[in-house]
N, C-alpha and C. Protein backbone atom coordinates (compact mmCIF):
# COMPACT_ATOMS: atom_id res chain seq x y z
N UNK A 1 53.64 75.96 -63.47
CA UNK A 1 53.48 76.33 -62.08
C UNK A 1 53.03 77.78 -62.04
N UNK A 2 51.94 78.02 -61.37
CA UNK A 2 51.41 79.37 -61.25
C UNK A 2 52.30 80.20 -60.35
N UNK A 3 52.67 81.38 -60.83
CA UNK A 3 53.47 82.28 -60.00
C UNK A 3 54.96 82.12 -60.16
N UNK A 4 55.43 80.92 -60.29
CA UNK A 4 56.83 80.67 -60.54
C UNK A 4 57.74 80.86 -59.35
N UNK A 5 59.02 80.92 -59.68
CA UNK A 5 60.07 80.98 -58.67
C UNK A 5 59.99 82.21 -57.79
N UNK A 6 59.62 83.34 -58.35
CA UNK A 6 59.58 84.57 -57.55
C UNK A 6 58.51 84.50 -56.46
N UNK A 7 57.40 83.84 -56.73
CA UNK A 7 56.38 83.65 -55.70
C UNK A 7 56.92 82.78 -54.56
N UNK A 8 57.62 81.72 -54.94
CA UNK A 8 58.22 80.83 -53.93
C UNK A 8 59.23 81.62 -53.11
N UNK A 9 60.11 82.36 -53.78
CA UNK A 9 61.12 83.16 -53.09
C UNK A 9 60.46 84.15 -52.12
N UNK A 10 59.43 84.84 -52.57
CA UNK A 10 58.74 85.83 -51.74
C UNK A 10 58.14 85.18 -50.49
N UNK A 11 57.47 84.06 -50.66
CA UNK A 11 56.86 83.37 -49.53
C UNK A 11 57.93 82.95 -48.53
N UNK A 12 59.00 82.34 -49.02
CA UNK A 12 60.05 81.86 -48.11
C UNK A 12 60.74 83.02 -47.39
N UNK A 13 60.99 84.11 -48.06
CA UNK A 13 61.61 85.27 -47.41
C UNK A 13 60.67 85.85 -46.35
N UNK A 14 59.37 85.89 -46.63
CA UNK A 14 58.40 86.37 -45.64
C UNK A 14 58.35 85.48 -44.42
N UNK A 15 58.64 84.19 -44.60
CA UNK A 15 58.59 83.22 -43.51
C UNK A 15 59.88 83.18 -42.69
N UNK A 16 60.91 83.91 -43.11
CA UNK A 16 62.13 83.97 -42.31
C UNK A 16 63.38 83.42 -42.94
N UNK A 17 63.30 83.00 -44.19
CA UNK A 17 64.48 82.52 -44.89
C UNK A 17 65.42 83.69 -45.17
N UNK A 18 66.72 83.45 -45.03
CA UNK A 18 67.70 84.50 -45.32
C UNK A 18 68.15 84.45 -46.78
N UNK A 19 68.27 83.25 -47.32
CA UNK A 19 68.70 83.06 -48.71
C UNK A 19 67.82 82.01 -49.37
N UNK A 20 67.53 82.22 -50.64
CA UNK A 20 66.75 81.27 -51.44
C UNK A 20 67.47 81.11 -52.77
N UNK A 21 67.68 79.88 -53.19
CA UNK A 21 68.31 79.64 -54.48
C UNK A 21 67.61 78.51 -55.22
N UNK A 22 67.67 78.56 -56.54
CA UNK A 22 67.07 77.55 -57.40
C UNK A 22 68.15 77.01 -58.32
N UNK A 23 68.05 75.72 -58.67
CA UNK A 23 69.04 75.11 -59.55
C UNK A 23 68.38 74.20 -60.56
N UNK A 24 68.89 74.20 -61.76
CA UNK A 24 68.49 73.26 -62.79
C UNK A 24 69.29 71.99 -62.55
N UNK A 25 68.63 70.90 -62.27
CA UNK A 25 69.30 69.66 -61.91
C UNK A 25 69.33 68.64 -63.05
N UNK A 26 68.90 69.04 -64.23
CA UNK A 26 68.77 68.08 -65.32
C UNK A 26 70.09 67.46 -65.77
N UNK A 27 71.21 68.07 -65.44
CA UNK A 27 72.51 67.48 -65.79
C UNK A 27 72.90 66.35 -64.83
N UNK A 28 72.22 66.25 -63.71
CA UNK A 28 72.47 65.20 -62.72
C UNK A 28 71.64 63.97 -63.11
N UNK A 29 72.21 62.76 -63.02
CA UNK A 29 71.44 61.57 -63.37
C UNK A 29 70.09 61.52 -62.63
N UNK A 30 69.05 61.10 -63.34
CA UNK A 30 67.69 61.10 -62.83
C UNK A 30 67.57 60.42 -61.47
N UNK A 31 68.20 59.27 -61.31
CA UNK A 31 68.10 58.54 -60.04
C UNK A 31 68.69 59.30 -58.87
N UNK A 32 69.77 60.02 -59.11
CA UNK A 32 70.41 60.78 -58.04
C UNK A 32 69.60 61.99 -57.62
N UNK A 33 68.78 62.50 -58.53
CA UNK A 33 67.96 63.67 -58.20
C UNK A 33 66.51 63.29 -57.96
N UNK A 34 66.28 61.97 -57.82
CA UNK A 34 64.94 61.43 -57.53
C UNK A 34 63.92 61.86 -58.59
N UNK A 35 64.39 62.05 -59.80
CA UNK A 35 63.51 62.42 -60.89
C UNK A 35 63.08 63.87 -60.92
N UNK A 36 63.54 64.65 -59.98
CA UNK A 36 63.14 66.05 -59.92
C UNK A 36 64.05 66.90 -60.80
N UNK A 37 63.49 67.76 -61.65
CA UNK A 37 64.31 68.53 -62.58
C UNK A 37 64.96 69.77 -61.97
N UNK A 38 64.45 70.25 -60.85
CA UNK A 38 64.98 71.46 -60.22
C UNK A 38 65.17 71.23 -58.72
N UNK A 39 66.01 72.08 -58.13
CA UNK A 39 66.24 72.02 -56.70
C UNK A 39 66.06 73.41 -56.11
N UNK A 40 65.64 73.44 -54.88
CA UNK A 40 65.47 74.68 -54.12
C UNK A 40 66.36 74.57 -52.89
N UNK A 41 67.16 75.57 -52.65
CA UNK A 41 68.00 75.62 -51.45
C UNK A 41 67.59 76.83 -50.64
N UNK A 42 67.50 76.62 -49.32
CA UNK A 42 67.17 77.73 -48.42
C UNK A 42 68.18 77.77 -47.28
N UNK A 43 68.39 78.96 -46.76
CA UNK A 43 69.30 79.13 -45.62
C UNK A 43 68.63 80.07 -44.62
N UNK A 44 68.90 79.81 -43.36
CA UNK A 44 68.41 80.65 -42.27
C UNK A 44 69.64 81.22 -41.56
N UNK A 45 69.61 82.50 -41.30
CA UNK A 45 70.75 83.15 -40.63
C UNK A 45 70.72 82.89 -39.13
N UNK A 46 71.89 82.68 -38.58
CA UNK A 46 72.02 82.62 -37.12
C UNK A 46 72.18 84.05 -36.61
N UNK A 47 71.74 84.28 -35.39
CA UNK A 47 71.84 85.61 -34.77
C UNK A 47 73.31 85.99 -34.63
N UNK A 48 73.75 87.06 -35.29
CA UNK A 48 75.16 87.46 -35.22
C UNK A 48 75.63 87.74 -33.79
N UNK A 49 74.75 88.26 -32.95
CA UNK A 49 75.11 88.52 -31.56
C UNK A 49 75.49 87.25 -30.83
N UNK A 50 74.76 86.19 -31.07
CA UNK A 50 75.06 84.90 -30.44
C UNK A 50 76.41 84.39 -30.94
N UNK A 51 76.65 84.51 -32.21
CA UNK A 51 77.90 84.01 -32.79
C UNK A 51 79.10 84.80 -32.27
N UNK A 52 78.99 86.11 -32.17
CA UNK A 52 80.13 86.91 -31.71
C UNK A 52 80.46 86.68 -30.24
N UNK A 53 79.50 86.18 -29.48
CA UNK A 53 79.77 85.90 -28.05
C UNK A 53 80.43 84.55 -27.82
N UNK A 54 80.61 83.76 -28.88
CA UNK A 54 81.31 82.48 -28.73
C UNK A 54 82.80 82.75 -28.67
N UNK A 55 83.43 82.39 -27.56
CA UNK A 55 84.87 82.64 -27.43
C UNK A 55 85.68 81.36 -27.30
N UNK A 56 85.13 80.37 -26.63
CA UNK A 56 85.89 79.13 -26.40
C UNK A 56 85.03 77.91 -26.66
N UNK A 57 84.45 77.85 -27.84
CA UNK A 57 83.61 76.71 -28.18
C UNK A 57 82.13 77.01 -27.99
N UNK A 58 81.30 76.11 -28.46
CA UNK A 58 79.85 76.33 -28.41
C UNK A 58 79.35 76.59 -26.99
N UNK A 59 78.32 77.42 -26.92
CA UNK A 59 77.71 77.77 -25.64
C UNK A 59 76.25 77.30 -25.63
N UNK A 60 75.63 77.36 -24.48
CA UNK A 60 74.22 77.03 -24.37
C UNK A 60 73.40 77.98 -25.24
N UNK A 61 73.77 79.25 -25.26
CA UNK A 61 73.08 80.23 -26.09
C UNK A 61 73.18 79.84 -27.57
N UNK A 62 74.36 79.40 -28.00
CA UNK A 62 74.54 78.96 -29.39
C UNK A 62 73.70 77.72 -29.66
N UNK A 63 73.70 76.77 -28.73
CA UNK A 63 72.91 75.55 -28.87
C UNK A 63 71.44 75.90 -29.09
N UNK A 64 70.93 76.84 -28.31
CA UNK A 64 69.53 77.26 -28.47
C UNK A 64 69.29 77.96 -29.81
N UNK A 65 70.22 78.79 -30.22
CA UNK A 65 70.10 79.49 -31.50
C UNK A 65 70.14 78.50 -32.66
N UNK A 66 71.01 77.53 -32.56
CA UNK A 66 71.11 76.49 -33.59
C UNK A 66 69.80 75.71 -33.66
N UNK A 67 69.23 75.40 -32.49
CA UNK A 67 67.93 74.72 -32.44
C UNK A 67 66.83 75.56 -33.07
N UNK A 68 66.84 76.87 -32.81
CA UNK A 68 65.85 77.77 -33.40
C UNK A 68 65.96 77.76 -34.92
N UNK A 69 67.18 77.86 -35.41
CA UNK A 69 67.39 77.88 -36.85
C UNK A 69 66.95 76.57 -37.49
N UNK A 70 67.27 75.46 -36.87
CA UNK A 70 66.86 74.16 -37.41
C UNK A 70 65.35 73.99 -37.37
N UNK A 71 64.70 74.47 -36.32
CA UNK A 71 63.24 74.40 -36.24
C UNK A 71 62.61 75.24 -37.35
N UNK A 72 63.18 76.41 -37.62
CA UNK A 72 62.67 77.25 -38.69
C UNK A 72 62.87 76.57 -40.04
N UNK A 73 64.03 75.98 -40.27
CA UNK A 73 64.27 75.25 -41.52
C UNK A 73 63.26 74.11 -41.68
N UNK A 74 63.00 73.40 -40.61
CA UNK A 74 62.03 72.31 -40.66
C UNK A 74 60.64 72.84 -41.00
N UNK A 75 60.26 73.94 -40.36
CA UNK A 75 58.97 74.56 -40.65
C UNK A 75 58.89 75.00 -42.11
N UNK A 76 59.95 75.62 -42.61
CA UNK A 76 59.96 76.09 -43.98
C UNK A 76 59.86 74.93 -44.97
N UNK A 77 60.43 73.80 -44.59
CA UNK A 77 60.43 72.63 -45.47
C UNK A 77 59.09 71.91 -45.44
N UNK A 78 58.44 71.87 -44.29
CA UNK A 78 57.23 71.06 -44.16
C UNK A 78 56.01 71.83 -43.70
N UNK A 79 56.16 73.04 -43.21
CA UNK A 79 55.06 73.76 -42.60
C UNK A 79 54.03 74.31 -43.55
N UNK A 80 54.33 74.32 -44.81
CA UNK A 80 53.37 74.84 -45.80
C UNK A 80 52.94 73.70 -46.71
N UNK A 81 52.38 72.66 -46.13
CA UNK A 81 52.00 71.50 -46.94
C UNK A 81 51.07 71.88 -48.08
N UNK A 82 50.19 72.84 -47.87
CA UNK A 82 49.32 73.28 -48.96
C UNK A 82 50.12 73.84 -50.11
N UNK A 83 51.17 74.58 -49.77
CA UNK A 83 52.04 75.18 -50.79
C UNK A 83 52.82 74.10 -51.53
N UNK A 84 53.44 73.20 -50.77
CA UNK A 84 54.30 72.19 -51.39
C UNK A 84 53.50 71.09 -52.08
N UNK A 85 52.26 70.88 -51.68
CA UNK A 85 51.52 69.74 -52.21
C UNK A 85 50.68 70.08 -53.44
N UNK A 86 50.99 71.16 -54.11
CA UNK A 86 50.25 71.49 -55.33
C UNK A 86 50.64 70.60 -56.50
N UNK A 87 51.47 69.63 -56.26
CA UNK A 87 51.85 68.71 -57.31
C UNK A 87 53.05 69.14 -58.12
N UNK A 88 53.64 70.26 -57.79
CA UNK A 88 54.78 70.74 -58.56
C UNK A 88 56.10 70.52 -57.84
N UNK A 89 56.03 70.18 -56.58
CA UNK A 89 57.26 69.98 -55.82
C UNK A 89 56.96 69.13 -54.60
N UNK A 90 58.03 68.68 -53.97
CA UNK A 90 57.88 67.98 -52.70
C UNK A 90 59.12 68.25 -51.85
N UNK A 91 58.92 68.47 -50.57
CA UNK A 91 60.07 68.73 -49.71
C UNK A 91 60.86 67.46 -49.45
N UNK A 92 62.16 67.57 -49.49
CA UNK A 92 63.05 66.45 -49.18
C UNK A 92 63.98 66.91 -48.08
N UNK A 93 64.41 65.98 -47.23
CA UNK A 93 65.32 66.37 -46.15
C UNK A 93 66.60 66.97 -46.68
N UNK A 94 67.13 67.93 -45.94
CA UNK A 94 68.36 68.57 -46.37
C UNK A 94 69.55 67.62 -46.24
N UNK A 95 69.51 66.73 -45.28
CA UNK A 95 70.59 65.76 -45.07
C UNK A 95 69.97 64.37 -44.96
N UNK A 96 69.79 63.69 -46.09
CA UNK A 96 69.15 62.38 -46.01
C UNK A 96 69.95 61.44 -45.12
N UNK A 97 69.23 60.73 -44.30
CA UNK A 97 69.89 59.77 -43.41
C UNK A 97 70.16 58.50 -44.19
N UNK A 98 71.37 58.04 -44.06
CA UNK A 98 71.76 56.82 -44.77
C UNK A 98 72.19 55.79 -43.74
N UNK A 99 71.81 54.57 -44.01
CA UNK A 99 72.22 53.49 -43.12
C UNK A 99 73.69 53.17 -43.38
N UNK A 100 74.41 53.02 -42.33
CA UNK A 100 75.82 52.63 -42.50
C UNK A 100 75.86 51.13 -42.75
N UNK A 101 76.79 50.72 -43.58
CA UNK A 101 76.89 49.29 -43.87
C UNK A 101 77.48 48.56 -42.68
N UNK A 102 76.99 47.37 -42.44
CA UNK A 102 77.48 46.57 -41.31
C UNK A 102 78.21 45.37 -41.89
N UNK A 103 79.51 45.53 -42.00
CA UNK A 103 80.34 44.45 -42.55
C UNK A 103 81.04 43.74 -41.45
């Protein structure tokens, strides 16, 4: 991979990511990691001012901030298709949806 992890970290931080981490996943069974040898984790910070104003449960302001953060995470995961589609990685949902069993 040209540029390596530091290039990925730099791009994601420039795009608004607060934290970027990489993991070697080879100790995890291949099927559970979808055959991918490494993982990338990203985090987006919530506005501290919004959080400190929460006194008695979530507020409309918090709801909007949470939506902003999730939209940014979605953009970071899928918004750079040229970056992700170089054949070295693919974005996967942070919380895969699973069907509940109907017994």
